[in-house]
Every structure is written in C-alpha cells, then in structure tokens.
C-alpha atoms as a PDB file:
ATOM      1  CA  UNK A   1     -34.474  33.852   4.960  1.00  0.00           C
ATOM      2  CA  UNK A   2     -32.140  35.390   2.355  1.00  0.00           C
ATOM      3  CA  UNK A   3     -34.025  38.709   2.575  1.00  0.00           C
ATOM      4  CA  UNK A   4     -33.674  38.664   6.380  1.00  0.00           C
ATOM      5  CA  UNK A   5     -29.918  38.013   6.132  1.00  0.00           C
ATOM      6  CA  UNK A   6     -29.489  40.942   3.750  1.00  0.00           C
ATOM      7  CA  UNK A   7     -31.404  43.184   6.141  1.00  0.00           C
ATOM      8  CA  UNK A   8     -29.123  42.174   9.015  1.00  0.00           C
ATOM      9  CA  UNK A   9     -26.017  42.842   6.920  1.00  0.00           C
ATOM     10  CA  UNK A  10     -27.386  46.265   5.911  1.00  0.00           C
ATOM     11  CA  UNK A  11     -28.170  47.131   9.527  1.00  0.00           C
ATOM     12  CA  UNK A  12     -24.720  46.082  10.671  1.00  0.00           C
ATOM     13  CA  UNK A  13     -23.176  48.117   7.869  1.00  0.00           C
ATOM     14  CA  UNK A  14     -25.109  51.212   8.974  1.00  0.00           C
ATOM     15  CA  UNK A  15     -23.996  50.696  12.571  1.00  0.00           C
ATOM     16  CA  UNK A  16     -20.399  50.293  11.443  1.00  0.00           C
ATOM     17  CA  UNK A  17     -20.533  53.580   9.550  1.00  0.00           C
ATOM     18  CA  UNK A  18     -22.057  55.398  12.540  1.00  0.00           C
ATOM     19  CA  UNK A  19     -19.526  53.832  14.916  1.00  0.00           C
ATOM     20  CA  UNK A  20     -16.564  54.703  12.714  1.00  0.00           C
ATOM     21  CA  UNK A  21     -17.684  58.338  12.393  1.00  0.00           C
ATOM     22  CA  UNK A  22     -18.010  58.650  16.138  1.00  0.00           C
ATOM     23  CA  UNK A  23     -14.737  56.854  16.669  1.00  0.00           C
ATOM     24  CA  UNK A  24     -12.737  59.108  14.362  1.00  0.00           C
ATOM     25  CA  UNK A  25     -14.844  62.246  14.987  1.00  0.00           C
ATOM     26  CA  UNK A  26     -14.691  63.349  11.365  1.00  0.00           C
ATOM     27  CA  UNK A  27     -14.636  67.151  10.937  1.00  0.00           C
ATOM     28  CA  UNK A  28     -17.539  69.047   9.413  1.00  0.00           C
ATOM     29  CA  UNK A  29     -15.257  71.659   7.831  1.00  0.00           C
ATOM     30  CA  UNK A  30     -12.231  71.456   5.540  1.00  0.00           C
ATOM     31  CA  UNK A  31      -9.184  71.979   7.740  1.00  0.00           C
ATOM     32  CA  UNK A  32      -6.604  74.093   5.914  1.00  0.00           C
ATOM     33  CA  UNK A  33      -4.434  76.365   8.064  1.00  0.00           C
ATOM     34  CA  UNK A  34      -2.387  77.402   4.994  1.00  0.00           C
ATOM     35  CA  UNK A  35      -3.705  81.014   4.928  1.00  0.00           C
ATOM     36  CA  UNK A  36      -2.158  81.642   8.348  1.00  0.00           C
ATOM     37  CA  UNK A  37       0.992  83.757   8.105  1.00  0.00           C
ATOM     38  CA  UNK A  38       3.844  84.940  10.319  1.00  0.00           C
ATOM     39  CA  UNK A  39       4.995  83.145  13.499  1.00  0.00           C
ATOM     40  CA  UNK A  40       1.798  81.105  13.644  1.00  0.00           C
ATOM     41  CA  UNK A  41       2.405  79.707  10.175  1.00  0.00           C
ATOM     42  CA  UNK A  42       6.006  79.027  11.172  1.00  0.00           C
ATOM     43  CA  UNK A  43       4.826  77.173  14.280  1.00  0.00           C
ATOM     44  CA  UNK A  44       2.420  75.094  12.225  1.00  0.00           C
ATOM     45  CA  UNK A  45       4.971  74.208   9.557  1.00  0.00           C
ATOM     46  CA  UNK A  46       8.025  73.753  11.780  1.00  0.00           C
ATOM     47  CA  UNK A  47       6.400  71.969  14.729  1.00  0.00           C
ATOM     48  CA  UNK A  48       4.849  68.654  13.855  1.00  0.00           C
ATOM     49  CA  UNK A  49       3.320  68.576  17.331  1.00  0.00           C
ATOM     50  CA  UNK A  50       1.616  71.949  16.794  1.00  0.00           C
ATOM     51  CA  UNK A  51       0.343  70.970  13.345  1.00  0.00           C
ATOM     52  CA  UNK A  52      -0.939  67.611  14.547  1.00  0.00           C
ATOM     53  CA  UNK A  53      -2.665  69.162  17.543  1.00  0.00           C
ATOM     54  CA  UNK A  54      -4.423  71.827  15.452  1.00  0.00           C
ATOM     55  CA  UNK A  55      -5.537  69.244  12.908  1.00  0.00           C
ATOM     56  CA  UNK A  56      -6.767  66.854  15.594  1.00  0.00           C
ATOM     57  CA  UNK A  57      -8.362  69.353  17.970  1.00  0.00           C
ATOM     58  CA  UNK A  58      -9.310  72.488  16.035  1.00  0.00           C
ATOM     59  CA  UNK A  59     -10.106  71.347  12.502  1.00  0.00           C
ATOM     60  CA  UNK A  60     -13.714  72.533  12.500  1.00  0.00           C
ATOM     61  CA  UNK A  61     -12.890  75.936  13.975  1.00  0.00           C
ATOM     62  CA  UNK A  62     -10.024  76.468  11.497  1.00  0.00           C
ATOM     63  CA  UNK A  63     -12.347  75.493   8.628  1.00  0.00           C
ATOM     64  CA  UNK A  64     -15.060  77.879   9.827  1.00  0.00           C
ATOM     65  CA  UNK A  65     -12.487  80.645  10.245  1.00  0.00           C
ATOM     66  CA  UNK A  66     -11.301  80.107   6.682  1.00  0.00           C
ATOM     67  CA  UNK A  67     -14.814  80.855   5.444  1.00  0.00           C
ATOM     68  CA  UNK A  68     -15.033  84.184   7.306  1.00  0.00           C
ATOM     69  CA  UNK A  69     -13.440  87.393   6.018  1.00  0.00           C
ATOM     70  CA  UNK A  70     -10.475  88.688   8.108  1.00  0.00           C
ATOM     71  CA  UNK A  71     -10.749  85.739  10.518  1.00  0.00           C
ATOM     72  CA  UNK A  72      -7.231  84.402   9.929  1.00  0.00           C
ATOM     73  CA  UNK A  73      -5.897  87.958   9.906  1.00  0.00           C
ATOM     74  CA  UNK A  74      -7.253  88.512  13.437  1.00  0.00           C
ATOM     75  CA  UNK A  75      -5.980  85.179  14.760  1.00  0.00           C
ATOM     76  CA  UNK A  76      -2.525  85.758  13.274  1.00  0.00           C
ATOM     77  CA  UNK A  77      -2.340  89.321  14.611  1.00  0.00           C
ATOM     78  CA  UNK A  78      -3.127  88.247  18.183  1.00  0.00           C
ATOM     79  CA  UNK A  79      -0.700  85.320  18.030  1.00  0.00           C
ATOM     80  CA  UNK A  80       2.140  87.528  16.725  1.00  0.00           C
ATOM     81  CA  UNK A  81       1.478  90.146  19.412  1.00  0.00           C
ATOM     82  CA  UNK A  82       1.601  87.555  22.204  1.00  0.00           C
ATOM     83  CA  UNK A  83       4.874  86.082  20.918  1.00  0.00           C
ATOM     84  CA  UNK A  84       6.366  89.548  20.492  1.00  0.00           C
ATOM     85  CA  UNK A  85       5.928  90.142  24.231  1.00  0.00           C
ATOM     86  CA  UNK A  86       8.063  87.119  25.118  1.00  0.00           C
ATOM     87  CA  UNK A  87       7.994  86.294  28.832  1.00  0.00           C
ATOM     88  CA  UNK A  88       5.313  88.924  29.333  1.00  0.00           C
ATOM     89  CA  UNK A  89       3.056  87.377  26.694  1.00  0.00           C
ATOM     90  CA  UNK A  90       0.522  86.130  29.221  1.00  0.00           C
ATOM     91  CA  UNK A  91       0.172  89.579  30.777  1.00  0.00           C
ATOM     92  CA  UNK A  92      -0.153  91.175  27.337  1.00  0.00           C
ATOM     93  CA  UNK A  93      -2.580  88.655  25.863  1.00  0.00           C
ATOM     94  CA  UNK A  94      -5.776  90.547  26.745  1.00  0.00           C
ATOM     95  CA  UNK A  95      -4.414  93.771  25.241  1.00  0.00           C
ATOM     96  CA  UNK A  96      -3.214  91.844  22.178  1.00  0.00           C
ATOM     97  CA  UNK A  97      -6.720  90.448  21.746  1.00  0.00           C
ATOM     98  CA  UNK A  98      -8.175  93.947  21.932  1.00  0.00           C
ATOM     99  CA  UNK A  99      -5.664  95.454  19.499  1.00  0.00           C
ATOM    100  CA  UNK A 100      -6.058  92.572  17.064  1.00  0.00           C
ATOM    101  CA  UNK A 101      -9.829  92.780  17.026  1.00  0.00           C
ATOM    102  CA  UNK A 102     -10.491  89.517  18.799  1.00  0.00           C
ATOM    103  CA  UNK A 103     -12.738  91.209  21.372  1.00  0.00           C
ATOM    104  CA  UNK A 104     -14.988  92.486  18.559  1.00  0.00           C
ATOM    105  CA  UNK A 105     -15.347  88.915  17.361  1.00  0.00           C
ATOM    106  CA  UNK A 106     -16.238  87.536  20.804  1.00  0.00           C
ATOM    107  CA  UNK A 107     -17.885  84.119  20.396  1.00  0.00           C
ATOM    108  CA  UNK A 108     -17.270  84.386  16.637  1.00  0.00           C
ATOM    109  CA  UNK A 109     -15.055  82.310  14.346  1.00  0.00           C
ATOM    110  CA  UNK A 110     -11.790  84.154  15.095  1.00  0.00           C
ATOM    111  CA  UNK A 111     -12.416  83.984  18.829  1.00  0.00           C
ATOM    112  CA  UNK A 112     -13.257  80.273  18.655  1.00  0.00           C
ATOM    113  CA  UNK A 113     -10.210  79.511  16.527  1.00  0.00           C
ATOM    114  CA  UNK A 114      -7.739  81.380  18.711  1.00  0.00           C
ATOM    115  CA  UNK A 115      -9.222  79.979  21.926  1.00  0.00           C
ATOM    116  CA  UNK A 116      -9.153  76.428  20.560  1.00  0.00           C
ATOM    117  CA  UNK A 117      -5.540  76.736  19.476  1.00  0.00           C
ATOM    118  CA  UNK A 118      -4.606  78.439  22.751  1.00  0.00           C
ATOM    119  CA  UNK A 119      -6.442  76.112  25.132  1.00  0.00           C
ATOM    120  CA  UNK A 120      -5.791  72.815  23.362  1.00  0.00           C
ATOM    121  CA  UNK A 121      -2.535  73.434  21.510  1.00  0.00           C
ATOM    122  CA  UNK A 122      -1.016  76.406  23.320  1.00  0.00           C
ATOM    123  CA  UNK A 123       2.234  74.835  24.462  1.00  0.00           C
ATOM    124  CA  UNK A 124       3.330  73.297  21.132  1.00  0.00           C
ATOM    125  CA  UNK A 125       2.172  76.415  19.245  1.00  0.00           C
ATOM    126  CA  UNK A 126       4.009  78.825  21.544  1.00  0.00           C
ATOM    127  CA  UNK A 127       1.056  80.392  23.389  1.00  0.00           C
ATOM    128  CA  UNK A 128       1.052  81.167  27.152  1.00  0.00           C
ATOM    129  CA  UNK A 129      -1.290  78.568  28.593  1.00  0.00           C
ATOM    130  CA  UNK A 130       0.411  78.041  31.964  1.00  0.00           C
ATOM    131  CA  UNK A 131      -1.601  78.789  35.107  1.00  0.00           C
ATOM    132  CA  UNK A 132       0.194  79.300  38.421  1.00  0.00           C
ATOM    133  CA  UNK A 133      -0.604  76.719  41.089  1.00  0.00           C
ATOM    134  CA  UNK A 134      -3.576  78.140  43.076  1.00  0.00           C
ATOM    135  CA  UNK A 135      -1.725  77.225  46.275  1.00  0.00           C
ATOM    136  CA  UNK A 136       1.098  79.654  45.433  1.00  0.00           C
ATOM    137  CA  UNK A 137       1.418  82.415  48.020  1.00  0.00           C
ATOM    138  CA  UNK A 138       1.492  86.136  47.211  1.00  0.00           C
ATOM    139  CA  UNK A 139       5.021  87.182  46.195  1.00  0.00           C
ATOM    140  CA  UNK A 140       5.806  90.317  48.189  1.00  0.00           C
ATOM    141  CA  UNK A 141       3.114  92.627  46.770  1.00  0.00           C
ATOM    142  CA  UNK A 142       0.556  92.770  43.963  1.00  0.00           C
ATOM    143  CA  UNK A 143       2.822  94.221  41.192  1.00  0.00           C
ATOM    144  CA  UNK A 144       5.648  91.839  42.134  1.00  0.00           C
ATOM    145  CA  UNK A 145       3.320  88.848  42.193  1.00  0.00           C
ATOM    146  CA  UNK A 146       1.870  89.835  38.809  1.00  0.00           C
ATOM    147  CA  UNK A 147       5.334  89.959  37.278  1.00  0.00           C
ATOM    148  CA  UNK A 148       6.328  86.561  38.682  1.00  0.00           C
ATOM    149  CA  UNK A 149       3.051  84.839  37.793  1.00  0.00           C
ATOM    150  CA  UNK A 150       2.791  86.238  34.252  1.00  0.00           C
ATOM    151  CA  UNK A 151       6.447  85.732  33.320  1.00  0.00           C
ATOM    152  CA  UNK A 152       7.633  82.742  35.368  1.00  0.00           C
ATOM    153  CA  UNK A 153       4.625  80.434  35.610  1.00  0.00           C
ATOM    154  CA  UNK A 154       6.396  77.181  34.584  1.00  0.00           C
ATOM    155  CA  UNK A 155       9.292  77.883  36.945  1.00  0.00           C
ATOM    156  CA  UNK A 156       6.936  78.659  39.858  1.00  0.00           C
ATOM    157  CA  UNK A 157       4.934  75.502  39.290  1.00  0.00           C
ATOM    158  CA  UNK A 158       8.056  73.354  39.163  1.00  0.00           C
ATOM    159  CA  UNK A 159       9.171  74.933  42.442  1.00  0.00           C
ATOM    160  CA  UNK A 160       5.793  74.201  44.008  1.00  0.00           C
ATOM    161  CA  UNK A 161       6.240  70.562  43.018  1.00  0.00           C
ATOM    162  CA  UNK A 162       8.999  70.425  45.651  1.00  0.00           C
ATOM    163  CA  UNK A 163       7.946  71.159  49.233  1.00  0.00           C
ATOM    164  CA  UNK A 164      11.429  72.359  50.147  1.00  0.00           C
ATOM    165  CA  UNK A 165      11.481  74.806  47.247  1.00  0.00           C
ATOM    166  CA  UNK A 166       7.926  75.944  48.035  1.00  0.00           C
ATOM    167  CA  UNK A 167       8.746  76.626  51.695  1.00  0.00           C
ATOM    168  CA  UNK A 168      12.010  78.370  50.770  1.00  0.00           C
ATOM    169  CA  UNK A 169      10.284  80.586  48.225  1.00  0.00           C
ATOM    170  CA  UNK A 170       7.510  81.499  50.653  1.00  0.00           C
ATOM    171  CA  UNK A 171      10.088  82.236  53.346  1.00  0.00           C
ATOM    172  CA  UNK A 172      12.004  84.524  50.968  1.00  0.00           C
ATOM    173  CA  UNK A 173       8.913  86.402  49.818  1.00  0.00           C
ATOM    174  CA  UNK A 174       7.552  86.781  53.359  1.00  0.00           C
ATOM    175  CA  UNK A 175      10.767  87.646  55.202  1.00  0.00           C
ATOM    176  CA  UNK A 176      13.305  89.128  52.827  1.00  0.00           C
ATOM    177  CA  UNK A 177      11.500  92.336  51.852  1.00  0.00           C
ATOM    178  CA  UNK A 178      13.729  94.863  50.114  1.00  0.00           C
ATOM    179  CA  UNK A 179      16.581  92.381  49.628  1.00  0.00           C
ATOM    180  CA  UNK A 180      14.276  90.325  47.419  1.00  0.00           C
ATOM    181  CA  UNK A 181      13.746  93.268  45.069  1.00  0.00           C
ATOM    182  CA  UNK A 182      17.398  94.291  44.930  1.00  0.00           C
ATOM    183  CA  UNK A 183      18.459  90.711  44.252  1.00  0.00           C
ATOM    184  CA  UNK A 184      16.391  90.693  41.054  1.00  0.00           C
ATOM    185  CA  UNK A 185      18.444  93.285  39.184  1.00  0.00           C
ATOM    186  CA  UNK A 186      20.972  92.108  36.612  1.00  0.00           C
ATOM    187  CA  UNK A 187      23.996  93.267  38.598  1.00  0.00           C
ATOM    188  CA  UNK A 188      22.877  91.177  41.581  1.00  0.00           C
ATOM    189  CA  UNK A 189      21.624  88.082  39.822  1.00  0.00           C
ATOM    190  CA  UNK A 190      20.529  85.762  42.588  1.00  0.00           C
ATOM    191  CA  UNK A 191      20.482  82.720  40.340  1.00  0.00           C
ATOM    192  CA  UNK A 192      24.109  83.335  39.337  1.00  0.00           C
ATOM    193  CA  UNK A 193      25.017  83.883  42.982  1.00  0.00           C
ATOM    194  CA  UNK A 194      23.403  80.623  44.038  1.00  0.00           C
ATOM    195  CA  UNK A 195      25.179  78.709  41.305  1.00  0.00           C
ATOM    196  CA  UNK A 196      28.501  80.363  42.184  1.00  0.00           C
ATOM    197  CA  UNK A 197      28.079  79.701  45.899  1.00  0.00           C
ATOM    198  CA  UNK A 198      27.562  76.004  45.696  1.00  0.00           C
ATOM    199  CA  UNK A 199      26.457  74.704  42.364  1.00  0.00           C
ATOM    200  CA  UNK A 200      22.828  73.878  41.718  1.00  0.00           C
ATOM    201  CA  UNK A 201      23.170  70.535  43.450  1.00  0.00           C
ATOM    202  CA  UNK A 202      25.177  71.559  46.511  1.00  0.00           C
ATOM    203  CA  UNK A 203      23.029  73.086  49.247  1.00  0.00           C
ATOM    204  CA  UNK A 204      25.549  71.846  51.836  1.00  0.00           C
ATOM    205  CA  UNK A 205      28.268  74.151  50.532  1.00  0.00           C
ATOM    206  CA  UNK A 206      25.868  77.088  50.468  1.00  0.00           C
ATOM    207  CA  UNK A 207      25.116  76.585  54.169  1.00  0.00           C
ATOM    208  CA  UNK A 208      28.455  75.173  55.326  1.00  0.00           C
ATOM    209  CA  UNK A 209      29.884  78.154  57.222  1.00  0.00           C
ATOM    210  CA  UNK A 210      27.656  77.653  60.247  1.00  0.00           C
ATOM    211  CA  UNK A 211      26.721  74.262  61.682  1.00  0.00           C
ATOM    212  CA  UNK A 212      23.381  75.693  62.764  1.00  0.00           C
ATOM    213  CA  UNK A 213      22.459  76.531  59.211  1.00  0.00           C
ATOM    214  CA  UNK A 214      22.814  80.317  59.377  1.00  0.00           C
ATOM    215  CA  UNK A 215      24.506  81.187  56.073  1.00  0.00           C
ATOM    216  CA  UNK A 216      27.349  83.638  55.680  1.00  0.00           C
ATOM    217  CA  UNK A 217      26.711  87.160  54.444  1.00  0.00           C
ATOM    218  CA  UNK A 218      29.891  87.909  52.493  1.00  0.00           C
ATOM    219  CA  UNK A 219      28.346  88.782  49.162  1.00  0.00           C
ATOM    220  CA  UNK A 220      26.661  86.452  46.712  1.00  0.00           C
ATOM    221  CA  UNK A 221      23.061  85.677  47.571  1.00  0.00           C
ATOM    222  CA  UNK A 222      21.617  88.022  50.257  1.00  0.00           C
ATOM    223  CA  UNK A 223      21.855  86.642  53.791  1.00  0.00           C
ATOM    224  CA  UNK A 224      18.082  86.473  54.217  1.00  0.00           C
ATOM    225  CA  UNK A 225      17.729  84.495  51.001  1.00  0.00           C
ATOM    226  CA  UNK A 226      20.475  82.114  52.088  1.00  0.00           C
ATOM    227  CA  UNK A 227      18.799  81.660  55.475  1.00  0.00           C
ATOM    228  CA  UNK A 228      15.505  80.627  53.870  1.00  0.00           C
ATOM    229  CA  UNK A 229      17.174  78.197  51.467  1.00  0.00           C
ATOM    230  CA  UNK A 230      19.176  76.605  54.273  1.00  0.00           C
ATOM    231  CA  UNK A 231      16.299  76.509  56.736  1.00  0.00           C
ATOM    232  CA  UNK A 232      14.146  74.324  54.505  1.00  0.00           C
ATOM    233  CA  UNK A 233      16.852  72.477  52.581  1.00  0.00           C
ATOM    234  CA  UNK A 234      15.935  69.058  54.016  1.00  0.00           C
ATOM    235  CA  UNK A 235      12.141  69.375  53.862  1.00  0.00           C
ATOM    236  CA  UNK A 236      11.917  66.955  50.925  1.00  0.00           C
ATOM    237  CA  UNK A 237      12.818  63.796  52.880  1.00  0.00           C
ATOM    238  CA  UNK A 238      14.048  60.662  51.166  1.00  0.00           C
ATOM    239  CA  UNK A 239      16.382  60.204  48.229  1.00  0.00           C
ATOM    240  CA  UNK A 240      17.283  63.403  46.396  1.00  0.00           C
ATOM    241  CA  UNK A 241      16.356  63.596  42.685  1.00  0.00           C
ATOM    242  CA  UNK A 242      19.012  62.180  40.383  1.00  0.00           C
ATOM    243  CA  UNK A 243      18.630  65.186  38.099  1.00  0.00           C
ATOM    244  CA  UNK A 244      20.420  68.141  39.704  1.00  0.00           C
ATOM    245  CA  UNK A 245      18.035  70.531  37.945  1.00  0.00           C
ATOM    246  CA  UNK A 246      15.129  69.109  39.961  1.00  0.00           C
ATOM    247  CA  UNK A 247      16.720  69.692  43.371  1.00  0.00           C
ATOM    248  CA  UNK A 248      15.199  72.467  45.522  1.00  0.00           C
ATOM    249  CA  UNK A 249      18.133  74.858  45.145  1.00  0.00           C
ATOM    250  CA  UNK A 250      18.084  74.490  41.370  1.00  0.00           C
ATOM    251  CA  UNK A 251      14.311  75.003  41.213  1.00  0.00           C
ATOM    252  CA  UNK A 252      14.549  78.145  43.347  1.00  0.00           C
ATOM    253  CA  UNK A 253      17.459  79.443  41.264  1.00  0.00           C
ATOM    254  CA  UNK A 254      15.433  79.034  38.076  1.00  0.00           C
ATOM    255  CA  UNK A 255      12.530  81.029  39.511  1.00  0.00           C
ATOM    256  CA  UNK A 256      14.848  83.917  40.263  1.00  0.00           C
ATOM    257  CA  UNK A 257      16.745  83.583  37.005  1.00  0.00           C
ATOM    258  CA  UNK A 258      13.403  83.988  35.227  1.00  0.00           C
ATOM    259  CA  UNK A 259      12.376  86.955  37.408  1.00  0.00           C
ATOM    260  CA  UNK A 260      15.666  88.709  36.653  1.00  0.00           C
ATOM    261  CA  UNK A 261      15.242  88.256  32.892  1.00  0.00           C
ATOM    262  CA  UNK A 262      11.636  89.471  33.180  1.00  0.00           C
ATOM    263  CA  UNK A 263      12.798  92.663  34.985  1.00  0.00           C
ATOM    264  CA  UNK A 264      10.676  91.948  38.059  1.00  0.00           C
ATOM    265  CA  UNK A 265      13.063  93.970  40.252  1.00  0.00           C
ATOM    266  CA  UNK A 266      11.274  97.219  39.442  1.00  0.00           C
ATOM    267  CA  UNK A 267       7.848  95.711  40.104  1.00  0.00           C
ATOM    268  CA  UNK A 268       9.016  94.235  43.408  1.00  0.00           C
ATOM    269  CA  UNK A 269      10.652  97.387  44.789  1.00  0.00           C
ATOM    270  CA  UNK A 270       8.951  98.545  48.016  1.00  0.00           C
END
C-alpha cells in the first residue's frame, strides 16, 4: 500500500511539472536583448511595456538571434530605418528590410526576431503595425490613398469608427477633387481651418450660415469640404461622445492634420 501511495505521489508530481511548464510556457532560449543598440535598445529600456512584451512574446526568437552572428545588427538596422522615416515608416519598411539585410535572412533568426517584435510588440516598441480598415474607400487616387494609408492609419481607423466621419470623409474624397489636394498644403491647413471655424466640438457653428446646411465659402475650409461635413453631421444618432476629440468633426480634422504633416498634398494633386 505504501509503495502504491508513493507511486501516486510521483505521478502527480510529474503531472504538476508538465502542467506548470505548459502554463508558464518556459522559453527554450536565454532571453537577453542587451546586445540591441540604438532606438530599439532605448525602446526596450525606457518602455516597460515594450520590454515586458518582448520578454513574454519573443524570448525564444531573441535568444536564437543572440546565438547568430550579425542577427541583432540586422534587426537593429531595420528598426532604426523604420523609425527614421517617421510617419512614412510603414511605406518604407520593405525598403528598410532590404537595405538592412533582413530579406537575405528570410525565415532566419533575424527575420523571425524582427517579425515577432513587429507583429506582437509593434505598438509599444514603436513599429508601424497599424492596418487600415479594409472597408475604407479609395482616397482620390492611388498615390493619394497610399500616402493617407501609410502615414495616417490610426487616424483613418478612428474616423471609420464613426459613421458620420466615415461618410464625410468618403464624400470629401469622392466629390471634392482638386480642393482636397490644395487643402492639404501647410498654408491651407484644413485641420486648422476646421478648428478655427467652429472648434472641434462645434459642427453647428461650422454649418450655421445656412439653415439648409450649405456652408459658407468665405475662406477657411473649402466649401466642398464644409458641405460634406455638414451633410453627414448627424449620421451618428444618439448622445454625442463626451470627449470632444471623438466627435466626427474632430476625427475628420485629425485625419487631415496628419495628411498635411505627411505632405500628402503633392501625392493627391490631380
């Protein structure tokens, strides 16, 4: 009986060890991102969220990379290149990968490490992981759409979370033609015009000059842009968001503010 009891205890102990390993998913490699340098090292040391994510999600790939010559050098080079391109980082990422040597390591340790950090920890580590809502309509033409989608993905997706903003944006891109492009240059900053004309929260003031909703055309935001914003202003029925920044006018303004800073005016010119 005593021998049987010991056997049961041993079996339970083995199961407990197996269960705990599965539960905590212990890494096979030693996870030490210390050799990483530059902005990536800064992200890992200054952002607890980035560090924690890499340790939790990419420990094995980082450990394998550490054991391969030039692996960290490639990963760091690509990361620095992407960050250097700022708002255009997403558009430049493929070229950065090529220049940094990541394409020559396809399916290798550097590729696996960068992809793990990008796909699982991209946001906290400063990498462009945003994907534009597939429902988003084409913005004017292919070069214009590429500029918006690569530089202003978060702003576009927030706009598409509001039906009024979505309809207004689609109206502007479909109907405003050349005035859309000209409104994206610094000296005709549409976002600034919208804020000046009514404040981010005040669509009523923006459209107040005509009871039928046809906005005035005395400077500020182009008349066509105003018309689209006013036409769909009440297409998010119910209580308005408490946060002014989440109201349709504010969401639309942020899209255009981003497009101006990303120099999309040139790409959007007819």
